[in-house]
Structure formats: C-alpha cells, structure tokens
Amino acid sequence: MPDTQTSAPSLNVPSSKDEVIRVLEDRVLKLETLVSALGDNQSDLRAEMRSEIASLRTQISDLKEDLEDGIKALGSKVDRVMGGKAVVTAVVTLATSILGSGVVHLVVSVGR
C-alpha cells in the first residue's frame, strides 16, 4: 500500500503569511485526522505525528505574532503620518491667520 503524502505540495508556494498560516492549519487538520485513524499498534507513528502537529502549531502561532507585530508597526507609522499632517495643518492655519490679519491691518492703514 503506498504511503499517503501528509506534507503541503511543494509546487504551490504560498506568497503571504496569511496563506502560509492557512496551509499549515490545513496540514494540522489532515495530520489530526490521520492520527485519529491510527490503530493502537502504531503508537510510534502516532507520537511522531503529534510531535509534528505541535511543531506546526508553534509555527502558526509564530507567524500570527509576526503579523500582529507588523500590523502594530504599520499602525504606529500611520499615527505618525497623521500627527505630522495635523502639525502641517496647524502651521498653514497659523500662517493664513497671520497673513490675513496683516492684510486687514494694511487695508485699514491705507484707508485712513
């Protein structure tokens, strides 16, 4: 009887961490299904598969942490950009106010 392939296909390489997580979760599900179907006389294989499942779950949690860190870093950059935009807006408003009051003062002075 031929062995069944339990690893992800090597031709389809996931391009993003989300896809990698999905592939790893699918692989965990397949392995868990195979483990539940194993008989008592295959305890070594069962232990090896459980070890592989634990390793995959660790990889999944590490990838999720990386994604969360990336999202936090991106949020921090967006906050800085928005803060910078607020400063520029305040400076433009102040400059407009100063120039506007100067023009009003000039018009009042010339009108006398």
N, C-alpha and C. Protein backbone atom coordinates (compact mmCIF):
# COMPACT_ATOMS: atom_id res chain seq x y z
N MET A 1 0.84 -1.17 0.00
CA MET A 1 0.00 0.00 0.00
C MET A 1 0.90 1.24 0.00
N PRO A 2 0.68 2.19 -0.93
CA PRO A 2 1.53 3.37 -0.99
C PRO A 2 1.26 4.30 0.19
N ASP A 3 2.33 4.99 0.59
CA ASP A 3 2.20 5.97 1.66
C ASP A 3 1.44 7.19 1.16
N THR A 4 0.66 7.76 2.03
CA THR A 4 -0.05 8.99 1.65
C THR A 4 0.83 10.18 1.98
N GLN A 5 0.74 11.19 1.17
CA GLN A 5 1.55 12.39 1.39
C GLN A 5 0.83 13.28 2.39
N THR A 6 1.53 13.61 3.48
CA THR A 6 0.92 14.45 4.51
C THR A 6 1.48 15.86 4.49
N SER A 7 2.47 16.13 3.66
CA SER A 7 3.04 17.47 3.62
C SER A 7 2.34 18.30 2.55
N ALA A 8 2.51 19.60 2.66
CA ALA A 8 1.91 20.51 1.69
C ALA A 8 2.61 20.33 0.35
N PRO A 9 1.90 20.52 -0.75
CA PRO A 9 2.52 20.40 -2.07
C PRO A 9 3.66 21.40 -2.22
N SER A 10 4.75 20.95 -2.81
CA SER A 10 5.93 21.82 -2.92
C SER A 10 5.83 22.76 -4.11
N LEU A 11 4.92 22.50 -5.06
CA LEU A 11 4.82 23.35 -6.23
C LEU A 11 4.09 24.66 -5.92
N ASN A 12 3.13 24.62 -5.03
CA ASN A 12 2.37 25.82 -4.69
C ASN A 12 2.96 26.47 -3.45
N VAL A 13 3.85 27.41 -3.68
CA VAL A 13 4.49 28.10 -2.56
C VAL A 13 3.63 29.31 -2.19
N PRO A 14 3.14 29.36 -0.95
CA PRO A 14 2.31 30.50 -0.53
C PRO A 14 3.11 31.79 -0.57
N SER A 15 2.44 32.86 -0.98
CA SER A 15 3.15 34.13 -1.14
C SER A 15 3.04 35.05 0.07
N SER A 16 2.04 34.85 0.91
CA SER A 16 1.90 35.73 2.07
C SER A 16 1.81 34.90 3.34
N LYS A 17 1.99 35.57 4.47
CA LYS A 17 1.94 34.86 5.76
C LYS A 17 0.55 34.32 6.02
N ASP A 18 -0.49 35.03 5.56
CA ASP A 18 -1.86 34.53 5.73
C ASP A 18 -2.04 33.19 5.01
N GLU A 19 -1.51 33.10 3.80
CA GLU A 19 -1.62 31.86 3.04
C GLU A 19 -0.81 30.74 3.71
N VAL A 20 0.37 31.08 4.21
CA VAL A 20 1.19 30.08 4.90
C VAL A 20 0.45 29.55 6.12
N ILE A 21 -0.19 30.45 6.86
CA ILE A 21 -0.96 30.03 8.04
C ILE A 21 -2.08 29.09 7.63
N ARG A 22 -2.79 29.43 6.54
CA ARG A 22 -3.88 28.56 6.08
C ARG A 22 -3.37 27.19 5.68
N VAL A 23 -2.25 27.16 4.97
CA VAL A 23 -1.67 25.88 4.54
C VAL A 23 -1.27 25.05 5.76
N LEU A 24 -0.63 25.69 6.74
CA LEU A 24 -0.22 24.97 7.94
C LEU A 24 -1.42 24.47 8.73
N GLU A 25 -2.47 25.28 8.82
CA GLU A 25 -3.68 24.83 9.53
C GLU A 25 -4.33 23.65 8.82
N ASP A 26 -4.33 23.68 7.47
CA ASP A 26 -4.86 22.54 6.71
C ASP A 26 -4.04 21.28 6.98
N ARG A 27 -2.74 21.46 7.02
CA ARG A 27 -1.86 20.32 7.27
C ARG A 27 -2.09 19.74 8.67
N VAL A 28 -2.26 20.61 9.66
CA VAL A 28 -2.55 20.16 11.02
C VAL A 28 -3.84 19.35 11.04
N LEU A 29 -4.86 19.85 10.34
CA LEU A 29 -6.14 19.14 10.30
C LEU A 29 -6.00 17.76 9.67
N LYS A 30 -5.23 17.68 8.58
CA LYS A 30 -5.01 16.38 7.93
C LYS A 30 -4.28 15.42 8.87
N LEU A 31 -3.24 15.93 9.53
CA LEU A 31 -2.49 15.08 10.44
C LEU A 31 -3.34 14.62 11.62
N GLU A 32 -4.16 15.52 12.15
CA GLU A 32 -5.03 15.13 13.26
C GLU A 32 -6.03 14.06 12.83
N THR A 33 -6.52 14.17 11.61
CA THR A 33 -7.44 13.16 11.08
C THR A 33 -6.74 11.82 10.95
N LEU A 34 -5.50 11.84 10.44
CA LEU A 34 -4.75 10.59 10.29
C LEU A 34 -4.41 9.98 11.64
N VAL A 35 -4.07 10.82 12.62
CA VAL A 35 -3.73 10.32 13.95
C VAL A 35 -4.94 9.63 14.57
N SER A 36 -6.10 10.20 14.39
CA SER A 36 -7.30 9.60 14.99
C SER A 36 -7.64 8.27 14.33
N ALA A 37 -7.19 8.06 13.10
CA ALA A 37 -7.49 6.81 12.40
C ALA A 37 -6.46 5.71 12.68
N LEU A 38 -5.33 6.05 13.30
CA LEU A 38 -4.30 5.06 13.57
C LEU A 38 -4.74 4.08 14.65
N GLY A 39 -4.30 2.86 14.50
CA GLY A 39 -4.60 1.84 15.50
C GLY A 39 -3.63 1.90 16.66
N ASP A 40 -3.91 1.09 17.69
CA ASP A 40 -3.06 1.06 18.89
C ASP A 40 -1.66 0.54 18.60
N ASN A 41 -1.52 -0.31 17.59
CA ASN A 41 -0.21 -0.89 17.30
C ASN A 41 0.72 0.08 16.57
N GLN A 42 0.27 1.28 16.26
CA GLN A 42 1.10 2.26 15.57
C GLN A 42 1.39 3.46 16.48
N SER A 43 1.72 3.17 17.71
CA SER A 43 1.93 4.24 18.70
C SER A 43 3.14 5.11 18.38
N ASP A 44 4.19 4.53 17.79
CA ASP A 44 5.37 5.33 17.42
C ASP A 44 5.00 6.37 16.37
N LEU A 45 4.27 5.93 15.37
CA LEU A 45 3.84 6.85 14.31
C LEU A 45 2.91 7.92 14.88
N ARG A 46 2.03 7.51 15.77
CA ARG A 46 1.11 8.46 16.40
C ARG A 46 1.88 9.52 17.18
N ALA A 47 2.89 9.11 17.93
CA ALA A 47 3.70 10.06 18.71
C ALA A 47 4.45 11.02 17.79
N GLU A 48 4.98 10.48 16.69
CA GLU A 48 5.70 11.32 15.73
C GLU A 48 4.76 12.34 15.09
N MET A 49 3.56 11.90 14.75
CA MET A 49 2.60 12.81 14.14
C MET A 49 2.14 13.88 15.13
N ARG A 50 1.97 13.51 16.39
CA ARG A 50 1.59 14.51 17.39
C ARG A 50 2.70 15.53 17.58
N SER A 51 3.94 15.07 17.50
CA SER A 51 5.08 15.99 17.59
C SER A 51 5.07 16.96 16.41
N GLU A 52 4.80 16.43 15.22
CA GLU A 52 4.71 17.27 14.02
C GLU A 52 3.57 18.28 14.15
N ILE A 53 2.45 17.85 14.68
CA ILE A 53 1.31 18.75 14.88
C ILE A 53 1.69 19.88 15.84
N ALA A 54 2.37 19.54 16.93
CA ALA A 54 2.79 20.56 17.89
C ALA A 54 3.75 21.55 17.24
N SER A 55 4.66 21.04 16.41
CA SER A 55 5.60 21.90 15.71
C SER A 55 4.87 22.85 14.75
N LEU A 56 3.89 22.32 14.04
CA LEU A 56 3.12 23.16 13.11
C LEU A 56 2.34 24.23 13.86
N ARG A 57 1.77 23.86 14.99
CA ARG A 57 1.02 24.86 15.77
C ARG A 57 1.95 25.96 16.28
N THR A 58 3.18 25.60 16.63
CA THR A 58 4.15 26.61 17.05
C THR A 58 4.47 27.55 15.89
N GLN A 59 4.67 26.98 14.69
CA GLN A 59 4.93 27.81 13.52
C GLN A 59 3.76 28.75 13.24
N ILE A 60 2.55 28.24 13.37
CA ILE A 60 1.36 29.06 13.14
C ILE A 60 1.30 30.21 14.13
N SER A 61 1.53 29.92 15.40
CA SER A 61 1.47 31.00 16.40
C SER A 61 2.58 32.02 16.19
N ASP A 62 3.77 31.56 15.77
CA ASP A 62 4.86 32.50 15.48
C ASP A 62 4.51 33.41 14.31
N LEU A 63 3.92 32.83 13.26
CA LEU A 63 3.52 33.64 12.11
C LEU A 63 2.43 34.64 12.48
N LYS A 64 1.50 34.21 13.31
CA LYS A 64 0.44 35.14 13.74
C LYS A 64 1.03 36.28 14.56
N GLU A 65 2.01 35.99 15.41
CA GLU A 65 2.67 37.04 16.18
C GLU A 65 3.40 38.01 15.26
N ASP A 66 4.07 37.46 14.22
CA ASP A 66 4.76 38.32 13.25
C ASP A 66 3.76 39.25 12.56
N LEU A 67 2.61 38.69 12.17
CA LEU A 67 1.59 39.51 11.52
C LEU A 67 1.08 40.60 12.45
N GLU A 68 0.83 40.25 13.70
CA GLU A 68 0.35 41.25 14.66
C GLU A 68 1.40 42.34 14.89
N ASP A 69 2.67 41.95 14.96
CA ASP A 69 3.74 42.95 15.13
C ASP A 69 3.80 43.88 13.92
N GLY A 70 3.65 43.31 12.72
CA GLY A 70 3.64 44.12 11.51
C GLY A 70 2.47 45.09 11.48
N ILE A 71 1.31 44.62 11.92
CA ILE A 71 0.13 45.49 11.95
C ILE A 71 0.33 46.62 12.95
N LYS A 72 0.92 46.29 14.11
CA LYS A 72 1.18 47.33 15.12
C LYS A 72 2.17 48.36 14.59
N ALA A 73 3.22 47.89 13.91
CA ALA A 73 4.22 48.81 13.35
C ALA A 73 3.58 49.71 12.29
N LEU A 74 2.73 49.13 11.46
CA LEU A 74 2.05 49.92 10.44
C LEU A 74 1.13 50.95 11.08
N GLY A 75 0.41 50.55 12.12
CA GLY A 75 -0.46 51.48 12.83
C GLY A 75 0.32 52.63 13.43
N SER A 76 1.50 52.32 13.97
CA SER A 76 2.35 53.35 14.55
C SER A 76 2.81 54.34 13.47
N LYS A 77 3.16 53.83 12.29
CA LYS A 77 3.58 54.71 11.19
C LYS A 77 2.42 55.59 10.74
N VAL A 78 1.23 55.01 10.66
CA VAL A 78 0.06 55.79 10.27
C VAL A 78 -0.21 56.89 11.29
N ASP A 79 -0.07 56.55 12.57
CA ASP A 79 -0.27 57.55 13.62
C ASP A 79 0.72 58.71 13.48
N ARG A 80 1.98 58.37 13.17
CA ARG A 80 2.99 59.42 12.99
C ARG A 80 2.66 60.30 11.79
N VAL A 81 2.22 59.67 10.69
CA VAL A 81 1.87 60.44 9.49
C VAL A 81 0.69 61.37 9.80
N MET A 82 -0.31 60.84 10.48
CA MET A 82 -1.47 61.67 10.82
C MET A 82 -1.07 62.80 11.77
N GLY A 83 -0.17 62.53 12.70
CA GLY A 83 0.33 63.57 13.60
C GLY A 83 1.07 64.65 12.82
N GLY A 84 1.89 64.23 11.87
CA GLY A 84 2.61 65.18 11.02
C GLY A 84 1.65 66.01 10.18
N LYS A 85 0.61 65.36 9.69
CA LYS A 85 -0.39 66.08 8.90
C LYS A 85 -1.09 67.13 9.77
N ALA A 86 -1.37 66.79 11.01
CA ALA A 86 -2.02 67.74 11.92
C ALA A 86 -1.11 68.94 12.18
N VAL A 87 0.18 68.70 12.33
CA VAL A 87 1.14 69.79 12.56
C VAL A 87 1.20 70.70 11.34
N VAL A 88 1.27 70.11 10.15
CA VAL A 88 1.31 70.91 8.92
C VAL A 88 0.03 71.74 8.79
N THR A 89 -1.10 71.12 9.08
CA THR A 89 -2.38 71.84 9.01
C THR A 89 -2.40 73.01 9.99
N ALA A 90 -1.89 72.79 11.19
CA ALA A 90 -1.84 73.87 12.19
C ALA A 90 -0.94 75.01 11.73
N VAL A 91 0.21 74.67 11.14
CA VAL A 91 1.15 75.70 10.66
C VAL A 91 0.51 76.50 9.53
N VAL A 92 -0.14 75.81 8.60
CA VAL A 92 -0.80 76.50 7.48
C VAL A 92 -1.91 77.41 8.00
N THR A 93 -2.68 76.91 8.96
CA THR A 93 -3.76 77.72 9.55
C THR A 93 -3.19 78.95 10.24
N LEU A 94 -2.12 78.77 10.99
CA LEU A 94 -1.49 79.90 11.68
C LEU A 94 -0.94 80.92 10.69
N ALA A 95 -0.26 80.43 9.64
CA ALA A 95 0.30 81.33 8.64
C ALA A 95 -0.82 82.09 7.93
N THR A 96 -1.89 81.41 7.60
CA THR A 96 -3.02 82.07 6.94
C THR A 96 -3.63 83.13 7.86
N SER A 97 -3.74 82.80 9.13
CA SER A 97 -4.30 83.75 10.09
C SER A 97 -3.42 84.98 10.21
N ILE A 98 -2.12 84.78 10.30
CA ILE A 98 -1.18 85.90 10.42
C ILE A 98 -1.22 86.76 9.16
N LEU A 99 -1.18 86.10 8.00
CA LEU A 99 -1.23 86.86 6.74
C LEU A 99 -2.55 87.59 6.59
N GLY A 100 -3.64 86.94 6.97
CA GLY A 100 -4.96 87.57 6.88
C GLY A 100 -5.08 88.79 7.76
N SER A 101 -4.60 88.68 8.99
CA SER A 101 -4.68 89.84 9.89
C SER A 101 -3.74 90.95 9.43
N GLY A 102 -2.62 90.58 8.82
CA GLY A 102 -1.69 91.58 8.28
C GLY A 102 -2.32 92.34 7.13
N VAL A 103 -3.03 91.62 6.26
CA VAL A 103 -3.69 92.27 5.12
C VAL A 103 -4.80 93.19 5.63
N VAL A 104 -5.55 92.74 6.61
CA VAL A 104 -6.61 93.59 7.18
C VAL A 104 -5.99 94.85 7.79
N HIS A 105 -4.89 94.69 8.51
CA HIS A 105 -4.21 95.85 9.11
C HIS A 105 -3.73 96.81 8.02
N LEU A 106 -3.18 96.26 6.93
CA LEU A 106 -2.70 97.08 5.82
C LEU A 106 -3.85 97.84 5.18
N VAL A 107 -4.98 97.18 4.96
CA VAL A 107 -6.14 97.83 4.34
C VAL A 107 -6.67 98.93 5.24
N VAL A 108 -6.74 98.67 6.53
CA VAL A 108 -7.22 99.68 7.47
C VAL A 108 -6.26 100.86 7.50
N SER A 109 -4.95 100.59 7.46
CA SER A 109 -3.94 101.67 7.49
C SER A 109 -4.00 102.51 6.23
N VAL A 110 -4.16 101.89 5.09
CA VAL A 110 -4.19 102.61 3.82
C VAL A 110 -5.50 103.40 3.71
N GLY A 111 -6.56 102.87 4.24
CA GLY A 111 -7.87 103.52 4.16
C GLY A 111 -7.96 104.78 4.98
N ARG A 112 -7.09 105.03 5.90
CA ARG A 112 -7.17 106.23 6.74
C ARG A 112 -6.64 107.41 6.06
